[in-house]
Amino acid sequence: MAKLISLKIDVSKIDKTKLFKGEKGTYLDLTVSVNDEPDNYGNDVAAWQGQTKEEVSAKAQKTYLGNGKVFWSNDTNVQQSNAANQAATNLTSKEQEEEDDGLGF
């Protein structure tokens, strides 16, 4: 099932020692959770800085970076937060292909 998620993260909370260099840039491991029910603010997605196996085993405190919402899904059971999102859900696959900007994501 496909989903589109909108996240807002607080970059000031990123532990800069967790950034690592790759061939094409600087990266940070993130973990994202999609919950079945939204919180009091309508958010059903949470993101935190990735943890090493040792940090997980030690049950180290997570560094939460932000949260967000699933704003589109091809699952008919997802509730949409507003009319614009509902309209996006109702696009036919042909219309979705026409809106594709060719970026691959």
Protein backbone atom coordinates (compact mmCIF):
# COMPACT_ATOMS: atom_id res chain seq x y z
CA MET A 1 0.00 0.00 0.00
CA ALA A 2 1.39 3.38 -0.99
CA LYS A 3 1.35 6.37 1.35
CA LEU A 4 2.58 9.93 1.22
CA ILE A 5 3.70 11.44 4.52
CA SER A 6 4.44 15.02 5.48
CA LEU A 7 7.00 15.48 8.30
CA LYS A 8 8.33 18.50 10.13
CA ILE A 9 11.56 17.88 11.99
CA ASP A 10 13.49 20.12 14.37
CA VAL A 11 16.99 20.05 12.89
CA SER A 12 18.41 21.72 16.00
CA LYS A 13 17.76 18.46 17.88
CA ILE A 14 19.98 16.41 15.54
CA ASP A 15 23.04 14.99 17.28
CA LYS A 16 25.67 16.13 14.78
CA THR A 17 27.98 13.26 15.84
CA LYS A 18 25.44 10.89 14.22
CA LEU A 19 25.89 12.47 10.77
CA PHE A 20 28.01 10.41 8.40
CA LYS A 21 29.56 10.98 4.99
CA GLY A 22 28.48 8.92 2.03
CA GLU A 23 29.50 8.99 -1.62
CA LYS A 24 26.89 11.60 -2.53
CA GLY A 25 26.42 13.62 0.64
CA THR A 26 26.08 13.73 4.40
CA TYR A 27 23.44 11.44 5.92
CA LEU A 28 21.52 10.79 9.12
CA ASP A 29 19.73 7.55 9.96
CA LEU A 30 16.09 8.17 10.90
CA THR A 31 13.39 5.88 12.22
CA VAL A 32 9.80 6.70 11.28
CA SER A 33 6.70 5.27 12.91
CA VAL A 34 3.25 5.36 11.31
CA ASN A 35 0.54 4.91 13.92
CA ASP A 36 -2.98 3.59 13.39
CA GLU A 37 -4.58 6.44 15.33
CA PRO A 38 -3.71 10.15 15.28
CA ASP A 39 -2.64 12.00 18.44
CA ASN A 40 -4.44 15.05 19.89
CA TYR A 41 -2.98 17.21 17.11
CA GLY A 42 -3.93 14.91 14.24
CA ASN A 43 -0.40 13.58 13.79
CA ASP A 44 -0.07 9.88 13.04
CA VAL A 45 3.64 9.83 12.15
CA ALA A 46 6.68 10.30 14.42
CA ALA A 47 10.37 10.51 13.50
CA TRP A 48 13.43 10.10 15.65
CA GLN A 49 17.13 9.79 15.17
CA GLY A 50 18.22 6.24 14.37
CA GLN A 51 19.86 4.24 17.14
CA THR A 52 22.72 1.76 17.05
CA LYS A 53 22.10 -1.85 18.11
CA GLU A 54 23.89 -1.06 21.36
CA GLU A 55 21.65 1.95 22.05
CA VAL A 56 18.55 -0.13 21.37
CA SER A 57 19.82 -2.95 23.63
CA ALA A 58 20.59 -0.45 26.39
CA LYS A 59 17.12 1.08 25.92
CA ALA A 60 18.72 4.49 25.46
CA GLN A 61 16.33 7.42 25.26
CA LYS A 62 15.25 8.25 21.69
CA THR A 63 15.91 11.68 20.22
CA TYR A 64 12.55 12.68 18.75
CA LEU A 65 12.98 15.04 15.84
CA GLY A 66 9.41 15.69 14.81
CA ASN A 67 6.08 14.38 13.67
CA GLY A 68 3.66 14.57 10.80
CA LYS A 69 0.69 13.11 9.03
CA VAL A 70 -0.15 10.62 6.34
CA PHE A 71 -1.76 12.93 3.80
CA TRP A 72 -2.43 10.44 1.01
CA SER A 73 -2.85 6.70 0.76
CA ASN A 74 -4.26 4.31 -1.79
CA ASP A 75 -5.74 2.41 1.17
CA THR A 76 -9.46 3.21 1.25
CA ASN A 77 -9.46 3.00 5.07
CA VAL A 78 -7.25 6.07 5.60
CA GLN A 79 -9.20 9.10 6.80
CA GLN A 80 -8.24 12.32 5.08
CA SER A 81 -7.80 15.50 7.10
CA ASN A 82 -9.27 17.93 4.55
CA ALA A 83 -11.03 18.21 1.20
CA ALA A 84 -7.81 18.82 -0.75
CA ASN A 85 -6.32 15.58 0.53
CA GLN A 86 -9.54 13.76 -0.27
CA ALA A 87 -9.37 15.06 -3.83
CA ALA A 88 -5.82 13.69 -4.14
CA THR A 89 -7.07 10.27 -3.04
CA ASN A 90 -9.68 10.29 -5.78
CA LEU A 91 -7.22 10.82 -8.65
CA THR A 92 -7.27 8.03 -11.19
CA SER A 93 -3.96 6.31 -11.94
CA LYS A 94 -3.88 8.07 -15.32
CA GLU A 95 -4.23 11.45 -13.61
CA GLN A 96 -1.52 10.48 -11.13
CA GLU A 97 0.82 9.56 -13.99
CA GLU A 98 0.08 12.91 -15.68
CA GLU A 99 1.01 14.70 -12.42
CA ASP A 100 4.26 12.72 -12.16
CA ASP A 101 7.17 15.13 -12.54
CA GLY A 102 9.57 12.35 -13.50
CA LEU A 103 11.67 12.68 -10.35
CA GLY A 104 11.01 9.10 -9.28
CA PHE A 105 9.58 9.92 -5.84
